[in-house]
Amino acid sequence: MNTNVVRIISEAFELTLPERALVAEMLLESLDVEPPADLSPAWREQIRKRREEIDRGLVELRDAEDVFARARAALE
């Protein structure tokens, strides 16, 4: 792998979760990837709303491992 790519990835992992999400979103958008055709208009709108909330900092993102650990602990 190119050393620049390795450096960029390494630096990206030092970003906060919201910052990494933004970088990932921008990279994916740069690929002109179309969402799966089987997504309903309602799901597309929900995705757009959630992405906007994240971009505006209106929601608190949490690490999935922490969320799952808390859920497992609540079930015990």
PDB file of N, CA and C in Angstrom:
ATOM      1  N   MET A   1       0.852  -1.178   0.000  1.00  0.00           N
ATOM      2  CA  MET A   1       0.000   0.000   0.000  1.00  0.00           C
ATOM      3  C   MET A   1       0.892   1.233   0.000  1.00  0.00           C
ATOM      4  N   ASN A   2       0.480   2.241  -0.712  1.00  0.00           N
ATOM      5  CA  ASN A   2       1.191   3.499  -0.817  1.00  0.00           C
ATOM      6  C   ASN A   2       1.379   4.111   0.580  1.00  0.00           C
ATOM      7  N   THR A   3       2.581   4.647   0.845  1.00  0.00           N
ATOM      8  CA  THR A   3       2.854   5.206   2.182  1.00  0.00           C
ATOM      9  C   THR A   3       1.960   6.403   2.491  1.00  0.00           C
ATOM     10  N   ASN A   4       1.575   7.175   1.486  1.00  0.00           N
ATOM     11  CA  ASN A   4       0.657   8.298   1.723  1.00  0.00           C
ATOM     12  C   ASN A   4      -0.702   7.782   2.188  1.00  0.00           C
ATOM     13  N   VAL A   5      -1.159   6.700   1.577  1.00  0.00           N
ATOM     14  CA  VAL A   5      -2.446   6.125   1.954  1.00  0.00           C
ATOM     15  C   VAL A   5      -2.380   5.625   3.396  1.00  0.00           C
ATOM     16  N   VAL A   6      -1.318   4.946   3.745  1.00  0.00           N
ATOM     17  CA  VAL A   6      -1.152   4.442   5.112  1.00  0.00           C
ATOM     18  C   VAL A   6      -1.143   5.597   6.105  1.00  0.00           C
ATOM     19  N   ARG A   7      -0.447   6.673   5.775  1.00  0.00           N
ATOM     20  CA  ARG A   7      -0.385   7.839   6.661  1.00  0.00           C
ATOM     21  C   ARG A   7      -1.757   8.479   6.811  1.00  0.00           C
ATOM     22  N   ILE A   8      -2.473   8.635   5.710  1.00  0.00           N
ATOM     23  CA  ILE A   8      -3.796   9.255   5.756  1.00  0.00           C
ATOM     24  C   ILE A   8      -4.752   8.419   6.601  1.00  0.00           C
ATOM     25  N   ILE A   9      -4.723   7.113   6.400  1.00  0.00           N
ATOM     26  CA  ILE A   9      -5.601   6.235   7.182  1.00  0.00           C
ATOM     27  C   ILE A   9      -5.248   6.304   8.661  1.00  0.00           C
ATOM     28  N   SER A  10      -3.968   6.278   8.959  1.00  0.00           N
ATOM     29  CA  SER A  10      -3.511   6.355  10.348  1.00  0.00           C
ATOM     30  C   SER A  10      -3.985   7.660  10.997  1.00  0.00           C
ATOM     31  N   GLU A  11      -3.852   8.760  10.279  1.00  0.00           N
ATOM     32  CA  GLU A  11      -4.291  10.047  10.815  1.00  0.00           C
ATOM     33  C   GLU A  11      -5.809  10.099  10.952  1.00  0.00           C
ATOM     34  N   ALA A  12      -6.515   9.478  10.028  1.00  0.00           N
ATOM     35  CA  ALA A  12      -7.975   9.476  10.096  1.00  0.00           C
ATOM     36  C   ALA A  12      -8.464   8.773  11.351  1.00  0.00           C
ATOM     37  N   PHE A  13      -7.785   7.700  11.752  1.00  0.00           N
ATOM     38  CA  PHE A  13      -8.195   6.980  12.956  1.00  0.00           C
ATOM     39  C   PHE A  13      -7.983   7.788  14.226  1.00  0.00           C
ATOM     40  N   GLU A  14      -7.247   8.874  14.153  1.00  0.00           N
ATOM     41  CA  GLU A  14      -7.050   9.747  15.308  1.00  0.00           C
ATOM     42  C   GLU A  14      -8.178  10.772  15.441  1.00  0.00           C
ATOM     43  N   LEU A  15      -9.036  10.868  14.423  1.00  0.00           N
ATOM     44  CA  LEU A  15     -10.155  11.806  14.456  1.00  0.00           C
ATOM     45  C   LEU A  15     -11.247  11.302  15.389  1.00  0.00           C
ATOM     46  N   THR A  16     -12.103  12.206  15.799  1.00  0.00           N
ATOM     47  CA  THR A  16     -13.261  11.806  16.597  1.00  0.00           C
ATOM     48  C   THR A  16     -14.231  11.041  15.708  1.00  0.00           C
ATOM     49  N   LEU A  17     -15.159  10.341  16.320  1.00  0.00           N
ATOM     50  CA  LEU A  17     -16.141   9.580  15.560  1.00  0.00           C
ATOM     51  C   LEU A  17     -16.920  10.453  14.572  1.00  0.00           C
ATOM     52  N   PRO A  18     -17.436  11.610  14.992  1.00  0.00           N
ATOM     53  CA  PRO A  18     -18.158  12.448  14.025  1.00  0.00           C
ATOM     54  C   PRO A  18     -17.260  12.916  12.869  1.00  0.00           C
ATOM     55  N   GLU A  19     -16.004  13.212  13.181  1.00  0.00           N
ATOM     56  CA  GLU A  19     -15.082  13.639  12.127  1.00  0.00           C
ATOM     57  C   GLU A  19     -14.809  12.496  11.150  1.00  0.00           C
ATOM     58  N   ARG A  20     -14.620  11.286  11.688  1.00  0.00           N
ATOM     59  CA  ARG A  20     -14.402  10.125  10.808  1.00  0.00           C
ATOM     60  C   ARG A  20     -15.629   9.864   9.949  1.00  0.00           C
ATOM     61  N   ALA A  21     -16.810  10.020  10.531  1.00  0.00           N
ATOM     62  CA  ALA A  21     -18.048   9.818   9.772  1.00  0.00           C
ATOM     63  C   ALA A  21     -18.131  10.817   8.625  1.00  0.00           C
ATOM     64  N   LEU A  22     -17.765  12.050   8.888  1.00  0.00           N
ATOM     65  CA  LEU A  22     -17.792  13.069   7.847  1.00  0.00           C
ATOM     66  C   LEU A  22     -16.806  12.736   6.734  1.00  0.00           C
ATOM     67  N   VAL A  23     -15.597  12.347   7.109  1.00  0.00           N
ATOM     68  CA  VAL A  23     -14.592  11.979   6.106  1.00  0.00           C
ATOM     69  C   VAL A  23     -15.081  10.796   5.282  1.00  0.00           C
ATOM     70  N   ALA A  24     -15.620   9.787   5.944  1.00  0.00           N
ATOM     71  CA  ALA A  24     -16.127   8.615   5.236  1.00  0.00           C
ATOM     72  C   ALA A  24     -17.247   8.999   4.281  1.00  0.00           C
ATOM     73  N   GLU A  25     -18.154   9.831   4.750  1.00  0.00           N
ATOM     74  CA  GLU A  25     -19.269  10.262   3.915  1.00  0.00           C
ATOM     75  C   GLU A  25     -18.762  10.996   2.675  1.00  0.00           C
ATOM     76  N   MET A  26     -17.818  11.890   2.881  1.00  0.00           N
ATOM     77  CA  MET A  26     -17.300  12.658   1.751  1.00  0.00           C
ATOM     78  C   MET A  26     -16.561  11.761   0.758  1.00  0.00           C
ATOM     79  N   LEU A  27     -15.813  10.797   1.271  1.00  0.00           N
ATOM     80  CA  LEU A  27     -15.108   9.874   0.379  1.00  0.00           C
ATOM     81  C   LEU A  27     -16.100   9.033  -0.421  1.00  0.00           C
ATOM     82  N   LEU A  28     -17.121   8.529   0.246  1.00  0.00           N
ATOM     83  CA  LEU A  28     -18.128   7.740  -0.466  1.00  0.00           C
ATOM     84  C   LEU A  28     -18.851   8.572  -1.514  1.00  0.00           C
ATOM     85  N   GLU A  29     -19.194   9.797  -1.168  1.00  0.00           N
ATOM     86  CA  GLU A  29     -19.867  10.664  -2.128  1.00  0.00           C
ATOM     87  C   GLU A  29     -18.976  10.936  -3.335  1.00  0.00           C
ATOM     88  N   SER A  30     -17.668  10.979  -3.108  1.00  0.00           N
ATOM     89  CA  SER A  30     -16.750  11.243  -4.218  1.00  0.00           C
ATOM     90  C   SER A  30     -16.700  10.088  -5.208  1.00  0.00           C
ATOM     91  N   LEU A  31     -17.160   8.924  -4.794  1.00  0.00           N
ATOM     92  CA  LEU A  31     -17.165   7.761  -5.677  1.00  0.00           C
ATOM     93  C   LEU A  31     -18.412   7.720  -6.559  1.00  0.00           C
ATOM     94  N   ASP A  32     -19.333   8.643  -6.328  1.00  0.00           N
ATOM     95  CA  ASP A  32     -20.608   8.660  -7.063  1.00  0.00           C
ATOM     96  C   ASP A  32     -21.310   7.319  -6.974  1.00  0.00           C
ATOM     97  N   VAL A  33     -21.277   6.750  -5.787  1.00  0.00           N
ATOM     98  CA  VAL A  33     -21.932   5.470  -5.566  1.00  0.00           C
ATOM     99  C   VAL A  33     -23.419   5.709  -5.362  1.00  0.00           C
ATOM    100  N   GLU A  34     -24.216   5.008  -6.120  1.00  0.00           N
ATOM    101  CA  GLU A  34     -25.655   5.105  -5.967  1.00  0.00           C
ATOM    102  C   GLU A  34     -26.099   4.196  -4.825  1.00  0.00           C
ATOM    103  N   PRO A  35     -27.033   4.647  -3.993  1.00  0.00           N
ATOM    104  CA  PRO A  35     -27.551   3.768  -2.945  1.00  0.00           C
ATOM    105  C   PRO A  35     -28.275   2.580  -3.591  1.00  0.00           C
ATOM    106  N   PRO A  36     -28.366   1.494  -2.879  1.00  0.00           N
ATOM    107  CA  PRO A  36     -29.061   0.331  -3.439  1.00  0.00           C
ATOM    108  C   PRO A  36     -30.453   0.701  -3.928  1.00  0.00           C
ATOM    109  N   ALA A  37     -30.819   0.148  -5.051  1.00  0.00           N
ATOM    110  CA  ALA A  37     -32.099   0.477  -5.664  1.00  0.00           C
ATOM    111  C   ALA A  37     -33.281   0.020  -4.816  1.00  0.00           C
ATOM    112  N   ASP A  38     -33.051  -0.935  -3.921  1.00  0.00           N
ATOM    113  CA  ASP A  38     -34.163  -1.460  -3.145  1.00  0.00           C
ATOM    114  C   ASP A  38     -34.522  -0.605  -1.927  1.00  0.00           C
ATOM    115  N   LEU A  39     -33.860   0.536  -1.754  1.00  0.00           N
ATOM    116  CA  LEU A  39     -34.224   1.431  -0.658  1.00  0.00           C
ATOM    117  C   LEU A  39     -35.473   2.212  -1.031  1.00  0.00           C
ATOM    118  N   SER A  40     -36.442   2.209  -0.152  1.00  0.00           N
ATOM    119  CA  SER A  40     -37.678   2.939  -0.411  1.00  0.00           C
ATOM    120  C   SER A  40     -37.423   4.443  -0.256  1.00  0.00           C
ATOM    121  N   PRO A  41     -38.275   5.251  -0.847  1.00  0.00           N
ATOM    122  CA  PRO A  41     -38.139   6.702  -0.663  1.00  0.00           C
ATOM    123  C   PRO A  41     -38.174   7.105   0.811  1.00  0.00           C
ATOM    124  N   ALA A  42     -38.957   6.402   1.620  1.00  0.00           N
ATOM    125  CA  ALA A  42     -39.031   6.731   3.055  1.00  0.00           C
ATOM    126  C   ALA A  42     -37.690   6.485   3.740  1.00  0.00           C
ATOM    127  N   TRP A  43     -37.023   5.371   3.392  1.00  0.00           N
ATOM    128  CA  TRP A  43     -35.718   5.079   3.978  1.00  0.00           C
ATOM    129  C   TRP A  43     -34.686   6.101   3.505  1.00  0.00           C
ATOM    130  N   ARG A  44     -34.729   6.455   2.238  1.00  0.00           N
ATOM    131  CA  ARG A  44     -33.790   7.461   1.713  1.00  0.00           C
ATOM    132  C   ARG A  44     -33.948   8.784   2.471  1.00  0.00           C
ATOM    133  N   GLU A  45     -35.184   9.169   2.731  1.00  0.00           N
ATOM    134  CA  GLU A  45     -35.439  10.412   3.460  1.00  0.00           C
ATOM    135  C   GLU A  45     -34.941  10.306   4.898  1.00  0.00           C
ATOM    136  N   GLN A  46     -35.147   9.163   5.534  1.00  0.00           N
ATOM    137  CA  GLN A  46     -34.666   8.958   6.905  1.00  0.00           C
ATOM    138  C   GLN A  46     -33.145   9.047   6.962  1.00  0.00           C
ATOM    139  N   ILE A  47     -32.478   8.434   5.995  1.00  0.00           N
ATOM    140  CA  ILE A  47     -31.014   8.489   5.929  1.00  0.00           C
ATOM    141  C   ILE A  47     -30.554   9.930   5.760  1.00  0.00           C
ATOM    142  N   ARG A  48     -31.213  10.661   4.869  1.00  0.00           N
ATOM    143  CA  ARG A  48     -30.842  12.056   4.639  1.00  0.00           C
ATOM    144  C   ARG A  48     -30.999  12.876   5.919  1.00  0.00           C
ATOM    145  N   LYS A  49     -32.113  12.687   6.637  1.00  0.00           N
ATOM    146  CA  LYS A  49     -32.358  13.427   7.878  1.00  0.00           C
ATOM    147  C   LYS A  49     -31.307  13.105   8.932  1.00  0.00           C
ATOM    148  N   ARG A  50     -31.000  11.820   9.082  1.00  0.00           N
ATOM    149  CA  ARG A  50     -30.010  11.428  10.094  1.00  0.00           C
ATOM    150  C   ARG A  50     -28.630  11.966   9.753  1.00  0.00           C
ATOM    151  N   ARG A  51     -28.266  11.905   8.468  1.00  0.00           N
ATOM    152  CA  ARG A  51     -26.964  12.426   8.047  1.00  0.00           C
ATOM    153  C   ARG A  51     -26.886  13.921   8.342  1.00  0.00           C
ATOM    154  N   GLU A  52     -27.968  14.634   8.076  1.00  0.00           N
ATOM    155  CA  GLU A  52     -28.000  16.069   8.348  1.00  0.00           C
ATOM    156  C   GLU A  52     -27.848  16.347   9.848  1.00  0.00           C
ATOM    157  N   GLU A  53     -28.512  15.560  10.686  1.00  0.00           N
ATOM    158  CA  GLU A  53     -28.389  15.734  12.134  1.00  0.00           C
ATOM    159  C   GLU A  53     -26.955  15.515  12.586  1.00  0.00           C
ATOM    160  N   ILE A  54     -26.296  14.524  12.019  1.00  0.00           N
ATOM    161  CA  ILE A  54     -24.894  14.259  12.369  1.00  0.00           C
ATOM    162  C   ILE A  54     -24.020  15.411  11.919  1.00  0.00           C
ATOM    163  N   ASP A  55     -24.204  15.847  10.668  1.00  0.00           N
ATOM    164  CA  ASP A  55     -23.389  16.935  10.126  1.00  0.00           C
ATOM    165  C   ASP A  55     -23.537  18.219  10.931  1.00  0.00           C
ATOM    166  N   ARG A  56     -24.739  18.475  11.452  1.00  0.00           N
ATOM    167  CA  ARG A  56     -24.983  19.692  12.220  1.00  0.00           C
ATOM    168  C   ARG A  56     -24.609  19.542  13.684  1.00  0.00           C
ATOM    169  N   GLY A  57     -24.229  18.343  14.111  1.00  0.00           N
ATOM    170  CA  GLY A  57     -23.857  18.117  15.499  1.00  0.00           C
ATOM    171  C   GLY A  57     -25.050  18.088  16.435  1.00  0.00           C
ATOM    172  N   LEU A  58     -26.221  17.750  15.910  1.00  0.00           N
ATOM    173  CA  LEU A  58     -27.442  17.744  16.714  1.00  0.00           C
ATOM    174  C   LEU A  58     -27.632  16.458  17.504  1.00  0.00           C
ATOM    175  N   VAL A  59     -26.869  15.437  17.177  1.00  0.00           N
ATOM    176  CA  VAL A  59     -26.985  14.156  17.868  1.00  0.00           C
ATOM    177  C   VAL A  59     -25.626  13.756  18.411  1.00  0.00           C
ATOM    178  N   GLU A  60     -25.662  12.982  19.472  1.00  0.00           N
ATOM    179  CA  GLU A  60     -24.425  12.475  20.069  1.00  0.00           C
ATOM    180  C   GLU A  60     -24.193  11.064  19.546  1.00  0.00           C
ATOM    181  N   LEU A  61     -23.094  10.875  18.854  1.00  0.00           N
ATOM    182  CA  LEU A  61     -22.759   9.551  18.348  1.00  0.00           C
ATOM    183  C   LEU A  61     -22.037   8.779  19.437  1.00  0.00           C
ATOM    184  N   ARG A  62     -22.334   7.494  19.525  1.00  0.00           N
ATOM    185  CA  ARG A  62     -21.692   6.643  20.530  1.00  0.00           C
ATOM    186  C   ARG A  62     -21.042   5.451  19.845  1.00  0.00           C
ATOM    187  N   ASP A  63     -19.979   4.976  20.456  1.00  0.00           N
ATOM    188  CA  ASP A  63     -19.281   3.823  19.940  1.00  0.00           C
ATOM    189  C   ASP A  63     -20.174   2.589  20.065  1.00  0.00           C
ATOM    190  N   ALA A  64     -20.314   1.846  18.986  1.00  0.00           N
ATOM    191  CA  ALA A  64     -21.205   0.680  18.971  1.00  0.00           C
ATOM    192  C   ALA A  64     -20.825  -0.338  20.048  1.00  0.00           C
ATOM    193  N   GLU A  65     -19.540  -0.538  20.268  1.00  0.00           N
ATOM    194  CA  GLU A  65     -19.115  -1.506  21.282  1.00  0.00           C
ATOM    195  C   GLU A  65     -19.642  -1.119  22.664  1.00  0.00           C
ATOM    196  N   ASP A  66     -19.608   0.171  22.982  1.00  0.00           N
ATOM    197  CA  ASP A  66     -20.116   0.631  24.272  1.00  0.00           C
ATOM    198  C   ASP A  66     -21.624   0.427  24.375  1.00  0.00           C
ATOM    199  N   VAL A  67     -22.333   0.727  23.298  1.00  0.00           N
ATOM    200  CA  VAL A  67     -23.788   0.565  23.294  1.00  0.00           C
ATOM    201  C   VAL A  67     -24.160  -0.899  23.498  1.00  0.00           C
ATOM    202  N   PHE A  68     -23.498  -1.792  22.752  1.00  0.00           N
ATOM    203  CA  PHE A  68     -23.796  -3.218  22.880  1.00  0.00           C
ATOM    204  C   PHE A  68     -23.427  -3.752  24.256  1.00  0.00           C
ATOM    205  N   ALA A  69     -22.322  -3.277  24.814  1.00  0.00           N
ATOM    206  CA  ALA A  69     -21.908  -3.715  26.144  1.00  0.00           C
ATOM    207  C   ALA A  69     -22.942  -3.298  27.184  1.00  0.00           C
ATOM    208  N   ARG A  70     -23.451  -2.094  27.083  1.00  0.00           N
ATOM    209  CA  ARG A  70     -24.468  -1.623  28.025  1.00  0.00           C
ATOM    210  C   ARG A  70     -25.768  -2.416  27.862  1.00  0.00           C
ATOM    211  N   ALA A  71     -26.107  -2.731  26.620  1.00  0.00           N
ATOM    212  CA  ALA A  71     -27.329  -3.503  26.362  1.00  0.00           C
ATOM    213  C   ALA A  71     -27.194  -4.910  26.955  1.00  0.00           C
ATOM    214  N   ARG A  72     -26.035  -5.541  26.751  1.00  0.00           N
ATOM    215  CA  ARG A  72     -25.806  -6.881  27.309  1.00  0.00           C
ATOM    216  C   ARG A  72     -25.866  -6.844  28.831  1.00  0.00           C
ATOM    217  N   ALA A  73     -25.268  -5.816  29.425  1.00  0.00           N
ATOM    218  CA  ALA A  73     -25.269  -5.682  30.881  1.00  0.00           C
ATOM    219  C   ALA A  73     -26.687  -5.497  31.412  1.00  0.00           C
ATOM    220  N   ALA A  74     -27.517  -4.793  30.673  1.00  0.00           N
ATOM    221  CA  ALA A  74     -28.897  -4.582  31.097  1.00  0.00           C
ATOM    222  C   ALA A  74     -29.716  -5.863  31.046  1.00  0.00           C
ATOM    223  N   LEU A  75     -29.330  -6.791  30.182  1.00  0.00           N
ATOM    224  CA  LEU A  75     -30.053  -8.045  30.042  1.00  0.00           C
ATOM    225  C   LEU A  75     -29.622  -9.100  31.070  1.00  0.00           C
ATOM    226  N   GLU A  76     -28.502  -8.857  31.723  1.00  0.00           N
ATOM    227  CA  GLU A  76     -27.985  -9.845  32.681  1.00  0.00           C
ATOM    228  C   GLU A  76     -28.713  -9.788  33.998  1.00  0.00           C
TER     229      GLU A  76
END
